[in-house]
């Protein structure tokens, strides 16, 4: 068991504090998957609304890769497999329809 300390501006019941903490780490986990699996932090798109559009595309692609179960691997390996194998890419994209 470990102890964690948090700074907050108002007193919360234990249940709400627990839910807020879990929600925060869920979001952090998603951002970690986007960065490690899809290299989101390396993206240098800054013009107009393109950064937001590409972020949405990456989120959608991450969801597609998570749903695809025929190839047992992590997100990064599945992404590379999509780049190398058009049949596998078609399998991943088929779940859109």
PDB file of N, CA and C in Angstrom:
ATOM      1  N   UNK A   1       0.847  -1.172   0.000  1.00  0.00           N
ATOM      2  CA  UNK A   1       0.000   0.000   0.000  1.00  0.00           C
ATOM      3  C   UNK A   1       0.893   1.235   0.000  1.00  0.00           C
ATOM      4  N   UNK A   2       0.467   2.251  -0.712  1.00  0.00           N
ATOM      5  CA  UNK A   2       1.248   3.485  -0.762  1.00  0.00           C
ATOM      6  C   UNK A   2       0.372   4.661  -0.360  1.00  0.00           C
ATOM      7  N   UNK A   3       1.025   5.714   0.060  1.00  0.00           N
ATOM      8  CA  UNK A   3       0.325   6.929   0.482  1.00  0.00           C
ATOM      9  C   UNK A   3       0.520   7.974  -0.603  1.00  0.00           C
ATOM     10  N   UNK A   4      -0.557   8.644  -0.953  1.00  0.00           N
ATOM     11  CA  UNK A   4      -0.489   9.719  -1.937  1.00  0.00           C
ATOM     12  C   UNK A   4      -1.093  10.973  -1.316  1.00  0.00           C
ATOM     13  N   UNK A   5      -0.487  12.106  -1.629  1.00  0.00           N
ATOM     14  CA  UNK A   5      -0.966  13.375  -1.108  1.00  0.00           C
ATOM     15  C   UNK A   5      -1.479  14.223  -2.262  1.00  0.00           C
ATOM     16  N   UNK A   6      -2.598  14.901  -2.044  1.00  0.00           N
ATOM     17  CA  UNK A   6      -3.206  15.745  -3.064  1.00  0.00           C
ATOM     18  C   UNK A   6      -3.537  17.100  -2.459  1.00  0.00           C
ATOM     19  N   UNK A   7      -3.471  18.119  -3.286  1.00  0.00           N
ATOM     20  CA  UNK A   7      -3.890  19.456  -2.875  1.00  0.00           C
ATOM     21  C   UNK A   7      -5.238  19.711  -3.514  1.00  0.00           C
ATOM     22  N   UNK A   8      -6.194  20.136  -2.722  1.00  0.00           N
ATOM     23  CA  UNK A   8      -7.518  20.435  -3.264  1.00  0.00           C
ATOM     24  C   UNK A   8      -8.067  21.672  -2.574  1.00  0.00           C
ATOM     25  N   UNK A   9      -8.998  22.333  -3.224  1.00  0.00           N
ATOM     26  CA  UNK A   9      -9.512  23.596  -2.705  1.00  0.00           C
ATOM     27  C   UNK A   9     -10.731  23.422  -1.814  1.00  0.00           C
ATOM     28  N   UNK A  10     -11.355  22.255  -1.816  1.00  0.00           N
ATOM     29  CA  UNK A  10     -12.509  22.046  -0.946  1.00  0.00           C
ATOM     30  C   UNK A  10     -12.503  20.632  -0.388  1.00  0.00           C
ATOM     31  N   UNK A  11     -13.146  20.481   0.738  1.00  0.00           N
ATOM     32  CA  UNK A  11     -13.232  19.166   1.373  1.00  0.00           C
ATOM     33  C   UNK A  11     -14.209  18.295   0.586  1.00  0.00           C
ATOM     34  N   UNK A  12     -13.818  17.060   0.338  1.00  0.00           N
ATOM     35  CA  UNK A  12     -14.661  16.119  -0.394  1.00  0.00           C
ATOM     36  C   UNK A  12     -14.845  14.854   0.431  1.00  0.00           C
ATOM     37  N   UNK A  13     -16.016  14.239   0.306  1.00  0.00           N
ATOM     38  CA  UNK A  13     -16.183  12.923   0.930  1.00  0.00           C
ATOM     39  C   UNK A  13     -15.219  11.921   0.282  1.00  0.00           C
ATOM     40  N   UNK A  14     -14.900  10.871   1.000  1.00  0.00           N
ATOM     41  CA  UNK A  14     -13.928   9.885   0.520  1.00  0.00           C
ATOM     42  C   UNK A  14     -14.319   9.314  -0.839  1.00  0.00           C
ATOM     43  N   UNK A  15     -15.595   9.028  -1.057  1.00  0.00           N
ATOM     44  CA  UNK A  15     -16.061   8.450  -2.328  1.00  0.00           C
ATOM     45  C   UNK A  15     -15.800   9.408  -3.494  1.00  0.00           C
ATOM     46  N   UNK A  16     -16.117  10.689  -3.313  1.00  0.00           N
ATOM     47  CA  UNK A  16     -15.894  11.670  -4.385  1.00  0.00           C
ATOM     48  C   UNK A  16     -14.406  11.851  -4.661  1.00  0.00           C
ATOM     49  N   UNK A  17     -13.601  11.854  -3.612  1.00  0.00           N
ATOM     50  CA  UNK A  17     -12.157  11.979  -3.780  1.00  0.00           C
ATOM     51  C   UNK A  17     -11.602  10.765  -4.531  1.00  0.00           C
ATOM     52  N   UNK A  18     -12.084   9.593  -4.179  1.00  0.00           N
ATOM     53  CA  UNK A  18     -11.675   8.360  -4.862  1.00  0.00           C
ATOM     54  C   UNK A  18     -12.047   8.420  -6.342  1.00  0.00           C
ATOM     55  N   UNK A  19     -13.292   8.813  -6.637  1.00  0.00           N
ATOM     56  CA  UNK A  19     -13.754   8.892  -8.028  1.00  0.00           C
ATOM     57  C   UNK A  19     -12.959   9.924  -8.829  1.00  0.00           C
ATOM     58  N   UNK A  20     -12.674  11.074  -8.208  1.00  0.00           N
ATOM     59  CA  UNK A  20     -11.906  12.119  -8.889  1.00  0.00           C
ATOM     60  C   UNK A  20     -10.491  11.636  -9.198  1.00  0.00           C
ATOM     61  N   UNK A  21      -9.892  10.923  -8.264  1.00  0.00           N
ATOM     62  CA  UNK A  21      -8.538  10.401  -8.464  1.00  0.00           C
ATOM     63  C   UNK A  21      -8.517   9.373  -9.587  1.00  0.00           C
ATOM     64  N   UNK A  22      -9.463   8.457  -9.581  1.00  0.00           N
ATOM     65  CA  UNK A  22      -9.520   7.433 -10.637  1.00  0.00           C
ATOM     66  C   UNK A  22      -9.764   8.073 -12.002  1.00  0.00           C
ATOM     67  N   UNK A  23     -10.632   9.072 -12.043  1.00  0.00           N
ATOM     68  CA  UNK A  23     -10.924   9.762 -13.298  1.00  0.00           C
ATOM     69  C   UNK A  23      -9.664  10.450 -13.834  1.00  0.00           C
ATOM     70  N   UNK A  24      -8.926  11.093 -12.933  1.00  0.00           N
ATOM     71  CA  UNK A  24      -7.695  11.779 -13.341  1.00  0.00           C
ATOM     72  C   UNK A  24      -6.700  10.790 -13.940  1.00  0.00           C
ATOM     73  N   UNK A  25      -6.495   9.648 -13.281  1.00  0.00           N
ATOM     74  CA  UNK A  25      -5.505   8.686 -13.774  1.00  0.00           C
ATOM     75  C   UNK A  25      -5.981   7.969 -15.029  1.00  0.00           C
ATOM     76  N   UNK A  26      -7.281   7.856 -15.237  1.00  0.00           N
ATOM     77  CA  UNK A  26      -7.797   7.307 -16.490  1.00  0.00           C
ATOM     78  C   UNK A  26      -7.401   8.215 -17.653  1.00  0.00           C
ATOM     79  N   UNK A  27      -7.570   9.522 -17.461  1.00  0.00           N
ATOM     80  CA  UNK A  27      -7.206  10.493 -18.496  1.00  0.00           C
ATOM     81  C   UNK A  27      -5.703  10.469 -18.743  1.00  0.00           C
ATOM     82  N   UNK A  28      -4.910  10.402 -17.674  1.00  0.00           N
ATOM     83  CA  UNK A  28      -3.453  10.325 -17.823  1.00  0.00           C
ATOM     84  C   UNK A  28      -3.048   9.069 -18.594  1.00  0.00           C
ATOM     85  N   UNK A  29      -3.728   7.967 -18.332  1.00  0.00           N
ATOM     86  CA  UNK A  29      -3.435   6.710 -19.023  1.00  0.00           C
ATOM     87  C   UNK A  29      -3.712   6.832 -20.519  1.00  0.00           C
ATOM     88  N   UNK A  30      -4.810   7.475 -20.869  1.00  0.00           N
ATOM     89  CA  UNK A  30      -5.146   7.672 -22.285  1.00  0.00           C
ATOM     90  C   UNK A  30      -4.088   8.539 -22.964  1.00  0.00           C
ATOM     91  N   UNK A  31      -3.674   9.629 -22.285  1.00  0.00           N
ATOM     92  CA  UNK A  31      -2.651  10.496 -22.866  1.00  0.00           C
ATOM     93  C   UNK A  31      -1.320   9.762 -23.018  1.00  0.00           C
ATOM     94  N   UNK A  32      -0.997   8.881 -22.076  1.00  0.00           N
ATOM     95  CA  UNK A  32       0.234   8.098 -22.172  1.00  0.00           C
ATOM     96  C   UNK A  32       0.158   7.162 -23.380  1.00  0.00           C
ATOM     97  N   UNK A  33      -0.994   6.517 -23.581  1.00  0.00           N
ATOM     98  CA  UNK A  33      -1.159   5.620 -24.729  1.00  0.00           C
ATOM     99  C   UNK A  33      -1.034   6.387 -26.042  1.00  0.00           C
ATOM    100  N   UNK A  34      -1.619   7.585 -26.092  1.00  0.00           N
ATOM    101  CA  UNK A  34      -1.523   8.391 -27.309  1.00  0.00           C
ATOM    102  C   UNK A  34      -0.078   8.791 -27.582  1.00  0.00           C
ATOM    103  N   UNK A  35       0.662   9.130 -26.525  1.00  0.00           N
ATOM    104  CA  UNK A  35       2.044   9.555 -26.724  1.00  0.00           C
ATOM    105  C   UNK A  35       2.951   8.386 -27.081  1.00  0.00           C
ATOM    106  N   UNK A  36       2.893   7.320 -26.311  1.00  0.00           N
ATOM    107  CA  UNK A  36       3.795   6.191 -26.539  1.00  0.00           C
ATOM    108  C   UNK A  36       3.387   5.399 -27.782  1.00  0.00           C
ATOM    109  N   UNK A  37       2.110   5.111 -27.915  1.00  0.00           N
ATOM    110  CA  UNK A  37       1.648   4.283 -29.030  1.00  0.00           C
ATOM    111  C   UNK A  37       1.553   5.007 -30.349  1.00  0.00           C
ATOM    112  N   UNK A  38       1.173   6.283 -30.303  1.00  0.00           N
ATOM    113  CA  UNK A  38       0.936   7.017 -31.552  1.00  0.00           C
ATOM    114  C   UNK A  38       1.827   8.251 -31.705  1.00  0.00           C
ATOM    115  N   UNK A  39       2.804   8.409 -30.816  1.00  0.00           N
ATOM    116  CA  UNK A  39       3.798   9.498 -30.904  1.00  0.00           C
ATOM    117  C   UNK A  39       3.151  10.884 -30.948  1.00  0.00           C
ATOM    118  N   UNK A  40       2.128  11.094 -30.141  1.00  0.00           N
ATOM    119  CA  UNK A  40       1.401  12.359 -30.177  1.00  0.00           C
ATOM    120  C   UNK A  40       2.280  13.558 -29.806  1.00  0.00           C
ATOM    121  N   UNK A  41       3.161  13.406 -28.821  1.00  0.00           N
ATOM    122  CA  UNK A  41       3.998  14.532 -28.410  1.00  0.00           C
ATOM    123  C   UNK A  41       5.007  14.936 -29.478  1.00  0.00           C
ATOM    124  N   UNK A  42       5.329  14.036 -30.392  1.00  0.00           N
ATOM    125  CA  UNK A  42       6.285  14.349 -31.454  1.00  0.00           C
ATOM    126  C   UNK A  42       5.634  15.123 -32.602  1.00  0.00           C
ATOM    127  N   UNK A  43       4.323  15.212 -32.604  1.00  0.00           N
ATOM    128  CA  UNK A  43       3.602  15.901 -33.678  1.00  0.00           C
ATOM    129  C   UNK A  43       3.834  17.408 -33.571  1.00  0.00           C
ATOM    130  N   UNK A  44       4.235  18.029 -34.673  1.00  0.00           N
ATOM    131  CA  UNK A  44       4.536  19.462 -34.675  1.00  0.00           C
ATOM    132  C   UNK A  44       3.512  20.278 -35.466  1.00  0.00           C
ATOM    133  N   UNK A  45       2.339  19.744 -35.666  1.00  0.00           N
ATOM    134  CA  UNK A  45       1.300  20.462 -36.401  1.00  0.00           C
ATOM    135  C   UNK A  45       0.752  21.568 -35.506  1.00  0.00           C
ATOM    136  N   UNK A  46       0.851  22.817 -35.977  1.00  0.00           N
ATOM    137  CA  UNK A  46       0.410  23.955 -35.172  1.00  0.00           C
ATOM    138  C   UNK A  46      -0.480  24.932 -35.954  1.00  0.00           C
ATOM    139  N   UNK A  47      -0.741  24.656 -37.212  1.00  0.00           N
ATOM    140  CA  UNK A  47      -1.445  25.596 -38.076  1.00  0.00           C
ATOM    141  C   UNK A  47      -2.955  25.401 -37.980  1.00  0.00           C
ATOM    142  N   UNK A  48      -3.686  26.517 -37.875  1.00  0.00           N
ATOM    143  CA  UNK A  48      -5.152  26.530 -37.879  1.00  0.00           C
ATOM    144  C   UNK A  48      -5.709  25.496 -36.898  1.00  0.00           C
ATOM    145  N   UNK A  49      -6.694  24.740 -37.364  1.00  0.00           N
ATOM    146  CA  UNK A  49      -7.322  23.736 -36.505  1.00  0.00           C
ATOM    147  C   UNK A  49      -6.795  22.334 -36.802  1.00  0.00           C
ATOM    148  N   UNK A  50      -5.712  22.254 -37.540  1.00  0.00           N
ATOM    149  CA  UNK A  50      -5.187  20.939 -37.936  1.00  0.00           C
ATOM    150  C   UNK A  50      -4.740  20.110 -36.741  1.00  0.00           C
ATOM    151  N   UNK A  51      -4.175  20.753 -35.732  1.00  0.00           N
ATOM    152  CA  UNK A  51      -3.720  20.010 -34.548  1.00  0.00           C
ATOM    153  C   UNK A  51      -4.898  19.311 -33.876  1.00  0.00           C
ATOM    154  N   UNK A  52      -6.018  20.014 -33.768  1.00  0.00           N
ATOM    155  CA  UNK A  52      -7.208  19.413 -33.156  1.00  0.00           C
ATOM    156  C   UNK A  52      -7.767  18.280 -34.019  1.00  0.00           C
ATOM    157  N   UNK A  53      -7.768  18.473 -35.325  1.00  0.00           N
ATOM    158  CA  UNK A  53      -8.268  17.437 -36.236  1.00  0.00           C
ATOM    159  C   UNK A  53      -7.406  16.180 -36.129  1.00  0.00           C
ATOM    160  N   UNK A  54      -6.082  16.352 -36.152  1.00  0.00           N
ATOM    161  CA  UNK A  54      -5.198  15.194 -36.038  1.00  0.00           C
ATOM    162  C   UNK A  54      -5.310  14.535 -34.669  1.00  0.00           C
ATOM    163  N   UNK A  55      -5.538  15.313 -33.618  1.00  0.00           N
ATOM    164  CA  UNK A  55      -5.729  14.729 -32.286  1.00  0.00           C
ATOM    165  C   UNK A  55      -6.968  13.844 -32.273  1.00  0.00           C
ATOM    166  N   UNK A  56      -8.045  14.285 -32.903  1.00  0.00           N
ATOM    167  CA  UNK A  56      -9.272  13.474 -32.977  1.00  0.00           C
ATOM    168  C   UNK A  56      -9.038  12.195 -33.788  1.00  0.00           C
ATOM    169  N   UNK A  57      -8.301  12.326 -34.881  1.00  0.00           N
ATOM    170  CA  UNK A  57      -8.000  11.143 -35.700  1.00  0.00           C
ATOM    171  C   UNK A  57      -7.186  10.142 -34.886  1.00  0.00           C
ATOM    172  N   UNK A  58      -6.181  10.636 -34.150  1.00  0.00           N
ATOM    173  CA  UNK A  58      -5.371   9.734 -33.318  1.00  0.00           C
ATOM    174  C   UNK A  58      -6.213   9.058 -32.250  1.00  0.00           C
ATOM    175  N   UNK A  59      -7.138   9.794 -31.621  1.00  0.00           N
ATOM    176  CA  UNK A  59      -8.013   9.200 -30.601  1.00  0.00           C
ATOM    177  C   UNK A  59      -8.897   8.119 -31.212  1.00  0.00           C
ATOM    178  N   UNK A  60      -9.430   8.387 -32.390  1.00  0.00           N
ATOM    179  CA  UNK A  60     -10.272   7.405 -33.066  1.00  0.00           C
ATOM    180  C   UNK A  60      -9.451   6.163 -33.434  1.00  0.00           C
ATOM    181  N   UNK A  61      -8.248   6.374 -33.943  1.00  0.00           N
ATOM    182  CA  UNK A  61      -7.378   5.257 -34.316  1.00  0.00           C
ATOM    183  C   UNK A  61      -6.981   4.439 -33.088  1.00  0.00           C
ATOM    184  N   UNK A  62      -6.715   5.113 -31.967  1.00  0.00           N
ATOM    185  CA  UNK A  62      -6.405   4.408 -30.721  1.00  0.00           C
ATOM    186  C   UNK A  62      -7.572   3.517 -30.318  1.00  0.00           C
ATOM    187  N   UNK A  63      -8.787   4.034 -30.408  1.00  0.00           N
ATOM    188  CA  UNK A  63      -9.970   3.227 -30.078  1.00  0.00           C
ATOM    189  C   UNK A  63     -10.107   2.025 -31.013  1.00  0.00           C
ATOM    190  N   UNK A  64      -9.847   2.230 -32.304  1.00  0.00           N
ATOM    191  CA  UNK A  64      -9.917   1.116 -33.257  1.00  0.00           C
ATOM    192  C   UNK A  64      -8.877   0.044 -32.927  1.00  0.00           C
ATOM    193  N   UNK A  65      -7.664   0.475 -32.584  1.00  0.00           N
ATOM    194  CA  UNK A  65      -6.615  -0.491 -32.250  1.00  0.00           C
ATOM    195  C   UNK A  65      -6.942  -1.255 -30.972  1.00  0.00           C
ATOM    196  N   UNK A  66      -7.560  -0.591 -30.016  1.00  0.00           N
ATOM    197  CA  UNK A  66      -7.947  -1.268 -28.768  1.00  0.00           C
ATOM    198  C   UNK A  66      -9.036  -2.308 -29.021  1.00  0.00           C
ATOM    199  N   UNK A  67      -9.949  -2.019 -29.948  1.00  0.00           N
ATOM    200  CA  UNK A  67     -11.061  -2.929 -30.239  1.00  0.00           C
ATOM    201  C   UNK A  67     -10.608  -4.146 -31.036  1.00  0.00           C
ATOM    202  N   UNK A  68      -9.545  -4.020 -31.806  1.00  0.00           N
ATOM    203  CA  UNK A  68      -9.083  -5.088 -32.688  1.00  0.00           C
ATOM    204  C   UNK A  68      -8.397  -6.172 -31.854  1.00  0.00           C
ATOM    205  N   UNK A  69      -8.921  -7.395 -31.908  1.00  0.00           N
ATOM    206  CA  UNK A  69      -8.439  -8.481 -31.041  1.00  0.00           C
ATOM    207  C   UNK A  69      -7.748  -9.619 -31.784  1.00  0.00           C
ATOM    208  N   UNK A  70      -7.662  -9.572 -33.112  1.00  0.00           N
ATOM    209  CA  UNK A  70      -7.085 -10.706 -33.841  1.00  0.00           C
ATOM    210  C   UNK A  70      -5.563 -10.775 -33.696  1.00  0.00           C
ATOM    211  N   UNK A  71      -4.922  -9.666 -33.415  1.00  0.00           N
ATOM    212  CA  UNK A  71      -3.468  -9.607 -33.259  1.00  0.00           C
ATOM    213  C   UNK A  71      -3.178  -9.174 -31.832  1.00  0.00           C
ATOM    214  N   UNK A  72      -2.660 -10.099 -31.034  1.00  0.00           N
ATOM    215  CA  UNK A  72      -2.421  -9.808 -29.620  1.00  0.00           C
ATOM    216  C   UNK A  72      -1.088  -9.086 -29.471  1.00  0.00           C
ATOM    217  N   UNK A  73      -1.168  -7.773 -29.323  1.00  0.00           N
ATOM    218  CA  UNK A  73       0.031  -6.944 -29.169  1.00  0.00           C
ATOM    219  C   UNK A  73      -0.389  -5.611 -28.569  1.00  0.00           C
ATOM    220  N   UNK A  74       0.593  -4.823 -28.223  1.00  0.00           N
ATOM    221  CA  UNK A  74       0.328  -3.492 -27.705  1.00  0.00           C
ATOM    222  C   UNK A  74      -0.048  -2.528 -28.820  1.00  0.00           C
ATOM    223  N   UNK A  75      -0.436  -1.338 -28.421  1.00  0.00           N
ATOM    224  CA  UNK A  75      -0.875  -0.313 -29.378  1.00  0.00           C
ATOM    225  C   UNK A  75       0.241   0.022 -30.365  1.00  0.00           C
ATOM    226  N   UNK A  76       1.460   0.176 -29.869  1.00  0.00           N
ATOM    227  CA  UNK A  76       2.563   0.549 -30.753  1.00  0.00           C
ATOM    228  C   UNK A  76       2.832  -0.532 -31.801  1.00  0.00           C
ATOM    229  N   UNK A  77       2.830  -1.793 -31.405  1.00  0.00           N
ATOM    230  CA  UNK A  77       3.055  -2.880 -32.372  1.00  0.00           C
ATOM    231  C   UNK A  77       1.905  -2.980 -33.363  1.00  0.00           C
ATOM    232  N   UNK A  78       0.674  -2.760 -32.894  1.00  0.00           N
ATOM    233  CA  UNK A  78      -0.468  -2.791 -33.814  1.00  0.00           C
ATOM    234  C   UNK A  78      -0.368  -1.657 -34.826  1.00  0.00           C
ATOM    235  N   UNK A  79       0.080  -0.476 -34.373  1.00  0.00           N
ATOM    236  CA  UNK A  79       0.242   0.663 -35.280  1.00  0.00           C
ATOM    237  C   UNK A  79       1.273   0.332 -36.354  1.00  0.00           C
ATOM    238  N   UNK A  80       2.382  -0.240 -35.947  1.00  0.00           N
ATOM    239  CA  UNK A  80       3.430  -0.614 -36.902  1.00  0.00           C
ATOM    240  C   UNK A  80       2.918  -1.692 -37.854  1.00  0.00           C
ATOM    241  N   UNK A  81       2.160  -2.635 -37.321  1.00  0.00           N
ATOM    242  CA  UNK A  81       1.584  -3.700 -38.157  1.00  0.00           C
ATOM    243  C   UNK A  81       0.649  -3.103 -39.214  1.00  0.00           C
ATOM    244  N   UNK A  82      -0.133  -2.084 -38.839  1.00  0.00           N
ATOM    245  CA  UNK A  82      -1.014  -1.410 -39.806  1.00  0.00           C
ATOM    246  C   UNK A  82      -0.201  -0.771 -40.928  1.00  0.00           C
ATOM    247  N   UNK A  83       0.961  -0.219 -40.580  1.00  0.00           N
ATOM    248  CA  UNK A  83       1.804   0.426 -41.589  1.00  0.00           C
ATOM    249  C   UNK A  83       2.447  -0.594 -42.518  1.00  0.00           C
ATOM    250  N   UNK A  84       2.695  -1.802 -42.017  1.00  0.00           N
ATOM    251  CA  UNK A  84       3.409  -2.808 -42.803  1.00  0.00           C
ATOM    252  C   UNK A  84       2.495  -3.767 -43.555  1.00  0.00           C
ATOM    253  N   UNK A  85       1.271  -3.942 -43.090  1.00  0.00           N
ATOM    254  CA  UNK A  85       0.389  -4.970 -43.651  1.00  0.00           C
ATOM    255  C   UNK A  85      -0.969  -4.358 -43.992  1.00  0.00           C
ATOM    256  N   UNK A  86      -1.254  -4.204 -45.267  1.00  0.00           N
ATOM    257  CA  UNK A  86      -2.510  -3.578 -45.682  1.00  0.00           C
ATOM    258  C   UNK A  86      -3.728  -4.408 -45.303  1.00  0.00           C
ATOM    259  N   UNK A  87      -3.588  -5.720 -45.264  1.00  0.00           N
ATOM    260  CA  UNK A  87      -4.711  -6.569 -44.849  1.00  0.00           C
ATOM    261  C   UNK A  87      -5.068  -6.321 -43.387  1.00  0.00           C
ATOM    262  N   UNK A  88      -4.043  -6.190 -42.550  1.00  0.00           N
ATOM    263  CA  UNK A  88      -4.302  -5.915 -41.134  1.00  0.00           C
ATOM    264  C   UNK A  88      -4.923  -4.527 -40.969  1.00  0.00           C
ATOM    265  N   UNK A  89      -4.429  -3.551 -41.725  1.00  0.00           N
ATOM    266  CA  UNK A  89      -5.018  -2.210 -41.692  1.00  0.00           C
ATOM    267  C   UNK A  89      -6.489  -2.265 -42.086  1.00  0.00           C
ATOM    268  N   UNK A  90      -6.808  -3.037 -43.118  1.00  0.00           N
ATOM    269  CA  UNK A  90      -8.205  -3.190 -43.544  1.00  0.00           C
ATOM    270  C   UNK A  90      -9.035  -3.836 -42.441  1.00  0.00           C
ATOM    271  N   UNK A  91      -8.452  -4.802 -41.729  1.00  0.00           N
ATOM    272  CA  UNK A  91      -9.154  -5.446 -40.615  1.00  0.00           C
ATOM    273  C   UNK A  91      -9.480  -4.428 -39.532  1.00  0.00           C
ATOM    274  N   UNK A  92      -8.514  -3.578 -39.212  1.00  0.00           N
ATOM    275  CA  UNK A  92      -8.723  -2.552 -38.183  1.00  0.00           C
ATOM    276  C   UNK A  92      -9.792  -1.564 -38.634  1.00  0.00           C
ATOM    277  N   UNK A  93      -9.714  -1.116 -39.876  1.00  0.00           N
ATOM    278  CA  UNK A  93     -10.647  -0.103 -40.373  1.00  0.00           C
ATOM    279  C   UNK A  93     -12.048  -0.660 -40.615  1.00  0.00           C
ATOM    280  N   UNK A  94     -12.170  -1.971 -40.799  1.00  0.00           N
ATOM    281  CA  UNK A  94     -13.479  -2.586 -41.024  1.00  0.00           C
ATOM    282  C   UNK A  94     -14.424  -2.361 -39.845  1.00  0.00           C
ATOM    283  N   UNK A  95     -13.883  -2.205 -38.670  1.00  0.00           N
ATOM    284  CA  UNK A  95     -14.750  -2.016 -37.500  1.00  0.00           C
ATOM    285  C   UNK A  95     -15.433  -0.645 -37.504  1.00  0.00           C
ATOM    286  N   UNK A  96     -15.048   0.233 -38.422  1.00  0.00           N
ATOM    287  CA  UNK A  96     -15.730   1.529 -38.552  1.00  0.00           C
ATOM    288  C   UNK A  96     -17.146   1.375 -39.099  1.00  0.00           C
ATOM    289  N   UNK A  97     -17.352   0.369 -39.926  1.00  0.00           N
ATOM    290  CA  UNK A  97     -18.665   0.232 -40.572  1.00  0.00           C
ATOM    291  C   UNK A  97     -19.632  -0.574 -39.749  1.00  0.00           C
TER     292      UNK A  97
END
